[in-house]
Amino acid sequence: MRGLLVGRYQPFHSGHLGVVRRIRAGAPDEELILAIGSAEQSYTWENPFTASERFEMIVRALSEARLDRVVVLPVPDIHRHALWVRYLEGLLPAFERVYTYNPLTRLLFEKAGYPVESPPLIDRGRFEGKKIRALLAAGRPLGTRVPPSVAEYLAQIDAPGRLRMLRGGPARRPEARRS
């Protein structure tokens, strides 16, 4: 069997990783597709990272966590809810189960006959993409909000500078503080 979890992963954070761990623990023989939703979106405040950058974050985090049997694939939006499930069926490898917290996604997949599960969210107050993007833009430490490999990658691509620019602030990196 194979399950499907669709997310934007802007960025891939420790909450996402925790959900993947729970899914894998509950269905150890099931392969999992992580579909990078809104794959065509990038360089906006809501969707600052490209599909390839999100792919890189996810693959690094999964490797670091030693999670296998997870396939990561980009999924561009079609903006047609009535056709979305059939679109994914034609775009992705076959899947038999769907994991989601989104009420519309649940409705669409259940209507198409798929079993849908919602594993418990992990500390949503700390692990929310919008909050993590704001911390990045402010140059504040993320702590454990993202896996170490993702934090390293975000620094490599200067995510804080990009987010400051997208928010309308100065894009340059903050200078080291002098005592």
C-alpha atoms as a PDB file:
ATOM      1  CA  MET A   1       0.000   0.000   0.000  1.00  0.00           C
ATOM      2  CA  ARG A   2       0.947   3.608  -0.444  1.00  0.00           C
ATOM      3  CA  GLY A   3      -0.252   6.738   1.354  1.00  0.00           C
ATOM      4  CA  LEU A   4      -0.319  10.377   0.257  1.00  0.00           C
ATOM      5  CA  LEU A   5       0.431  13.509   2.287  1.00  0.00           C
ATOM      6  CA  VAL A   6       0.127  16.827   0.437  1.00  0.00           C
ATOM      7  CA  GLY A   7       1.674  19.986   1.873  1.00  0.00           C
ATOM      8  CA  ARG A   8       3.306  23.216   0.794  1.00  0.00           C
ATOM      9  CA  TYR A   9       6.254  22.732   3.198  1.00  0.00           C
ATOM     10  CA  GLN A  10       7.177  26.444   3.285  1.00  0.00           C
ATOM     11  CA  PRO A  11       9.566  25.505   4.922  1.00  0.00           C
ATOM     12  CA  PHE A  12       9.658  21.812   5.851  1.00  0.00           C
ATOM     13  CA  HIS A  13       9.662  21.975   9.667  1.00  0.00           C
ATOM     14  CA  SER A  14       9.816  19.680  12.664  1.00  0.00           C
ATOM     15  CA  GLY A  15       6.020  19.399  12.806  1.00  0.00           C
ATOM     16  CA  HIS A  16       5.994  18.010   9.264  1.00  0.00           C
ATOM     17  CA  LEU A  17       8.777  15.606  10.184  1.00  0.00           C
ATOM     18  CA  GLY A  18       6.879  14.488  13.294  1.00  0.00           C
ATOM     19  CA  VAL A  19       3.764  13.765  11.223  1.00  0.00           C
ATOM     20  CA  VAL A  20       5.812  11.726   8.743  1.00  0.00           C
ATOM     21  CA  ARG A  21       7.309   9.772  11.671  1.00  0.00           C
ATOM     22  CA  ARG A  22       3.841   9.041  13.062  1.00  0.00           C
ATOM     23  CA  ILE A  23       2.519   7.926   9.678  1.00  0.00           C
ATOM     24  CA  ARG A  24       5.531   5.658   9.120  1.00  0.00           C
ATOM     25  CA  ALA A  25       5.236   4.224  12.659  1.00  0.00           C
ATOM     26  CA  GLY A  26       1.525   3.513  12.197  1.00  0.00           C
ATOM     27  CA  ALA A  27       1.977   1.964   8.739  1.00  0.00           C
ATOM     28  CA  PRO A  28       5.586   0.702   8.607  1.00  0.00           C
ATOM     29  CA  ASP A  29       5.023  -1.375   5.470  1.00  0.00           C
ATOM     30  CA  GLU A  30       3.317   1.452   3.602  1.00  0.00           C
ATOM     31  CA  GLU A  31       5.260   3.696   1.261  1.00  0.00           C
ATOM     32  CA  LEU A  32       4.447   7.390   1.666  1.00  0.00           C
ATOM     33  CA  ILE A  33       4.257  10.029  -1.057  1.00  0.00           C
ATOM     34  CA  LEU A  34       5.012  13.540   0.140  1.00  0.00           C
ATOM     35  CA  ALA A  35       3.493  15.759  -2.526  1.00  0.00           C
ATOM     36  CA  ILE A  36       4.937  19.270  -2.634  1.00  0.00           C
ATOM     37  CA  GLY A  37       1.780  21.268  -3.267  1.00  0.00           C
ATOM     38  CA  SER A  38       1.704  24.619  -5.057  1.00  0.00           C
ATOM     39  CA  ALA A  39       4.964  23.558  -6.704  1.00  0.00           C
ATOM     40  CA  GLU A  40       4.796  26.409  -9.217  1.00  0.00           C
ATOM     41  CA  GLN A  41       4.632  29.023  -6.438  1.00  0.00           C
ATOM     42  CA  SER A  42       7.809  30.685  -5.180  1.00  0.00           C
ATOM     43  CA  TYR A  43       9.314  34.025  -4.218  1.00  0.00           C
ATOM     44  CA  THR A  44       6.191  35.245  -2.395  1.00  0.00           C
ATOM     45  CA  TRP A  45       5.802  35.734   1.365  1.00  0.00           C
ATOM     46  CA  GLU A  46       3.329  32.833   1.580  1.00  0.00           C
ATOM     47  CA  ASN A  47       5.380  30.577  -0.734  1.00  0.00           C
ATOM     48  CA  PRO A  48       8.975  31.830  -0.599  1.00  0.00           C
ATOM     49  CA  PHE A  49      10.781  28.641  -1.583  1.00  0.00           C
ATOM     50  CA  THR A  50      10.904  26.898  -4.951  1.00  0.00           C
ATOM     51  CA  ALA A  51       9.778  23.313  -5.386  1.00  0.00           C
ATOM     52  CA  SER A  52      13.403  22.230  -5.754  1.00  0.00           C
ATOM     53  CA  GLU A  53      14.368  24.011  -2.514  1.00  0.00           C
ATOM     54  CA  ARG A  54      11.475  22.366  -0.671  1.00  0.00           C
ATOM     55  CA  PHE A  55      12.479  19.011  -2.172  1.00  0.00           C
ATOM     56  CA  GLU A  56      16.028  19.545  -0.887  1.00  0.00           C
ATOM     57  CA  MET A  57      14.784  20.429   2.623  1.00  0.00           C
ATOM     58  CA  ILE A  58      12.570  17.346   2.778  1.00  0.00           C
ATOM     59  CA  VAL A  59      15.176  14.921   1.443  1.00  0.00           C
ATOM     60  CA  ARG A  60      17.818  16.234   3.853  1.00  0.00           C
ATOM     61  CA  ALA A  61      15.445  16.015   6.837  1.00  0.00           C
ATOM     62  CA  LEU A  62      14.288  12.492   5.941  1.00  0.00           C
ATOM     63  CA  SER A  63      17.871  11.330   5.505  1.00  0.00           C
ATOM     64  CA  GLU A  64      18.912  12.923   8.796  1.00  0.00           C
ATOM     65  CA  ALA A  65      15.957  11.216  10.540  1.00  0.00           C
ATOM     66  CA  ARG A  66      16.730   7.920   8.776  1.00  0.00           C
ATOM     67  CA  LEU A  67      13.211   7.664   7.387  1.00  0.00           C
ATOM     68  CA  ASP A  68      12.881   5.580   4.267  1.00  0.00           C
ATOM     69  CA  ARG A  69      10.061   4.458   1.963  1.00  0.00           C
ATOM     70  CA  VAL A  70       9.110   8.115   1.391  1.00  0.00           C
ATOM     71  CA  VAL A  71       8.844   9.488  -2.150  1.00  0.00           C
ATOM     72  CA  VAL A  72       8.915  13.261  -2.625  1.00  0.00           C
ATOM     73  CA  LEU A  73       7.239  14.701  -5.745  1.00  0.00           C
ATOM     74  CA  PRO A  74       6.228  18.224  -6.829  1.00  0.00           C
ATOM     75  CA  VAL A  75       2.575  18.916  -7.635  1.00  0.00           C
ATOM     76  CA  PRO A  76       1.627  22.162  -9.415  1.00  0.00           C
ATOM     77  CA  ASP A  77      -1.831  23.555  -8.674  1.00  0.00           C
ATOM     78  CA  ILE A  78      -4.600  23.351 -11.251  1.00  0.00           C
ATOM     79  CA  HIS A  79      -7.062  25.615  -9.361  1.00  0.00           C
ATOM     80  CA  ARG A  80      -9.994  23.301 -10.161  1.00  0.00           C
ATOM     81  CA  HIS A  81     -11.172  21.556  -7.009  1.00  0.00           C
ATOM     82  CA  ALA A  82     -13.644  19.308  -8.832  1.00  0.00           C
ATOM     83  CA  LEU A  83     -10.780  17.883 -10.948  1.00  0.00           C
ATOM     84  CA  TRP A  84      -7.996  17.883  -8.369  1.00  0.00           C
ATOM     85  CA  VAL A  85      -8.213  14.262  -7.147  1.00  0.00           C
ATOM     86  CA  ARG A  86      -8.274  12.884 -10.721  1.00  0.00           C
ATOM     87  CA  TYR A  87      -5.377  15.197 -11.579  1.00  0.00           C
ATOM     88  CA  LEU A  88      -3.299  13.763  -8.705  1.00  0.00           C
ATOM     89  CA  GLU A  89      -4.245  10.214  -9.701  1.00  0.00           C
ATOM     90  CA  GLY A  90      -2.827  10.888 -13.161  1.00  0.00           C
ATOM     91  CA  LEU A  91       0.262  12.725 -11.901  1.00  0.00           C
ATOM     92  CA  LEU A  92       1.402  10.602  -8.952  1.00  0.00           C
ATOM     93  CA  PRO A  93       2.124   6.920  -8.420  1.00  0.00           C
ATOM     94  CA  ALA A  94      -0.948   4.991  -7.276  1.00  0.00           C
ATOM     95  CA  PHE A  95      -1.927   5.592  -3.639  1.00  0.00           C
ATOM     96  CA  GLU A  96      -4.620   3.977  -1.524  1.00  0.00           C
ATOM     97  CA  ARG A  97      -4.834   6.226   1.547  1.00  0.00           C
ATOM     98  CA  VAL A  98      -4.669   9.992   2.146  1.00  0.00           C
ATOM     99  CA  TYR A  99      -3.417  11.909   5.170  1.00  0.00           C
ATOM    100  CA  THR A 100      -4.637  15.478   5.621  1.00  0.00           C
ATOM    101  CA  TYR A 101      -5.815  18.125   8.080  1.00  0.00           C
ATOM    102  CA  ASN A 102      -7.416  20.263   5.396  1.00  0.00           C
ATOM    103  CA  PRO A 103     -11.240  19.971   5.406  1.00  0.00           C
ATOM    104  CA  LEU A 104     -11.530  20.576   1.644  1.00  0.00           C
ATOM    105  CA  THR A 105      -8.854  17.985   0.843  1.00  0.00           C
ATOM    106  CA  ARG A 106     -10.647  15.509   3.134  1.00  0.00           C
ATOM    107  CA  LEU A 107     -13.980  16.177   1.418  1.00  0.00           C
ATOM    108  CA  LEU A 108     -12.552  15.793  -2.107  1.00  0.00           C
ATOM    109  CA  PHE A 109     -10.724  12.543  -1.378  1.00  0.00           C
ATOM    110  CA  GLU A 110     -13.562  10.998   0.626  1.00  0.00           C
ATOM    111  CA  LYS A 111     -15.967  11.875  -2.205  1.00  0.00           C
ATOM    112  CA  ALA A 112     -13.603  10.007  -4.548  1.00  0.00           C
ATOM    113  CA  GLY A 113     -13.721   6.947  -2.249  1.00  0.00           C
ATOM    114  CA  TYR A 114     -10.348   7.207  -0.492  1.00  0.00           C
ATOM    115  CA  PRO A 115      -9.879   6.484   3.200  1.00  0.00           C
ATOM    116  CA  VAL A 116      -8.629   9.708   4.808  1.00  0.00           C
ATOM    117  CA  GLU A 117      -6.779   9.969   8.115  1.00  0.00           C
ATOM    118  CA  SER A 118      -5.627  12.967  10.133  1.00  0.00           C
ATOM    119  CA  PRO A 119      -2.701  12.040  12.377  1.00  0.00           C
ATOM    120  CA  PRO A 120      -2.469  14.386  15.371  1.00  0.00           C
ATOM    121  CA  LEU A 121      -0.705  17.680  14.681  1.00  0.00           C
ATOM    122  CA  ILE A 122       2.479  18.179  16.624  1.00  0.00           C
ATOM    123  CA  ASP A 123       2.679  21.397  18.664  1.00  0.00           C
ATOM    124  CA  ARG A 124       0.952  23.535  16.032  1.00  0.00           C
ATOM    125  CA  GLY A 125       1.673  26.662  18.082  1.00  0.00           C
ATOM    126  CA  ARG A 126       5.422  26.269  17.507  1.00  0.00           C
ATOM    127  CA  PHE A 127       5.429  24.428  14.205  1.00  0.00           C
ATOM    128  CA  GLU A 128       3.583  26.668  11.805  1.00  0.00           C
ATOM    129  CA  GLY A 129       5.142  27.800   8.529  1.00  0.00           C
ATOM    130  CA  LYS A 130       3.871  31.382   8.839  1.00  0.00           C
ATOM    131  CA  LYS A 131       5.501  31.792  12.267  1.00  0.00           C
ATOM    132  CA  ILE A 132       8.729  30.153  11.139  1.00  0.00           C
ATOM    133  CA  ARG A 133       8.921  32.449   8.087  1.00  0.00           C
ATOM    134  CA  ALA A 134       8.441  35.477  10.382  1.00  0.00           C
ATOM    135  CA  LEU A 135      11.248  34.286  12.670  1.00  0.00           C
ATOM    136  CA  LEU A 136      13.528  33.762   9.677  1.00  0.00           C
ATOM    137  CA  ALA A 137      12.768  37.236   8.333  1.00  0.00           C
ATOM    138  CA  ALA A 138      13.486  38.766  11.734  1.00  0.00           C
ATOM    139  CA  GLY A 139      16.823  36.945  11.925  1.00  0.00           C
ATOM    140  CA  ARG A 140      15.712  35.163  15.098  1.00  0.00           C
ATOM    141  CA  PRO A 141      16.879  31.655  16.006  1.00  0.00           C
ATOM    142  CA  LEU A 142      14.577  28.817  15.000  1.00  0.00           C
ATOM    143  CA  GLY A 143      15.689  26.423  17.718  1.00  0.00           C
ATOM    144  CA  THR A 144      14.100  23.030  17.150  1.00  0.00           C
ATOM    145  CA  ARG A 145      11.347  24.384  14.875  1.00  0.00           C
ATOM    146  CA  VAL A 146      13.167  22.924  11.869  1.00  0.00           C
ATOM    147  CA  PRO A 147      15.446  19.882  11.696  1.00  0.00           C
ATOM    148  CA  PRO A 148      19.173  20.787  11.867  1.00  0.00           C
ATOM    149  CA  SER A 149      19.729  19.844   8.219  1.00  0.00           C
ATOM    150  CA  VAL A 150      16.908  22.183   7.158  1.00  0.00           C
ATOM    151  CA  ALA A 151      18.282  25.032   9.311  1.00  0.00           C
ATOM    152  CA  GLU A 152      21.665  24.562   7.630  1.00  0.00           C
ATOM    153  CA  TYR A 153      20.086  24.583   4.169  1.00  0.00           C
ATOM    154  CA  LEU A 154      17.989  27.685   4.929  1.00  0.00           C
ATOM    155  CA  ALA A 155      21.197  29.468   5.923  1.00  0.00           C
ATOM    156  CA  GLN A 156      22.933  28.294   2.717  1.00  0.00           C
ATOM    157  CA  ILE A 157      20.213  29.778   0.507  1.00  0.00           C
ATOM    158  CA  ASP A 158      19.971  32.938   2.658  1.00  0.00           C
ATOM    159  CA  ALA A 159      16.323  32.344   3.464  1.00  0.00           C
ATOM    160  CA  PRO A 160      16.295  35.218   5.999  1.00  0.00           C
ATOM    161  CA  GLY A 161      17.453  37.693   3.350  1.00  0.00           C
ATOM    162  CA  ARG A 162      14.907  36.446   0.848  1.00  0.00           C
ATOM    163  CA  LEU A 163      12.083  36.677   3.369  1.00  0.00           C
ATOM    164  CA  ARG A 164      13.091  40.194   4.423  1.00  0.00           C
ATOM    165  CA  MET A 165      13.074  41.222   0.764  1.00  0.00           C
ATOM    166  CA  LEU A 166       9.671  39.593   0.177  1.00  0.00           C
ATOM    167  CA  ARG A 167       8.272  41.317   3.258  1.00  0.00           C
ATOM    168  CA  GLY A 168       9.583  44.634   1.962  1.00  0.00           C
ATOM    169  CA  GLY A 169      12.499  45.100   4.332  1.00  0.00           C
ATOM    170  CA  PRO A 170      16.238  45.195   3.648  1.00  0.00           C
ATOM    171  CA  ALA A 171      17.403  41.979   2.006  1.00  0.00           C
ATOM    172  CA  ARG A 172      20.997  42.094   3.223  1.00  0.00           C
ATOM    173  CA  ARG A 173      22.159  39.786   5.960  1.00  0.00           C
ATOM    174  CA  PRO A 174      22.265  41.294   9.435  1.00  0.00           C
ATOM    175  CA  GLU A 175      25.745  42.354  10.477  1.00  0.00           C
ATOM    176  CA  ALA A 176      27.420  40.741  13.435  1.00  0.00           C
ATOM    177  CA  ARG A 177      26.742  42.685  16.619  1.00  0.00           C
ATOM    178  CA  ARG A 178      29.701  44.454  18.141  1.00  0.00           C
ATOM    179  CA  SER A 179      30.129  44.664  21.866  1.00  0.00           C
END
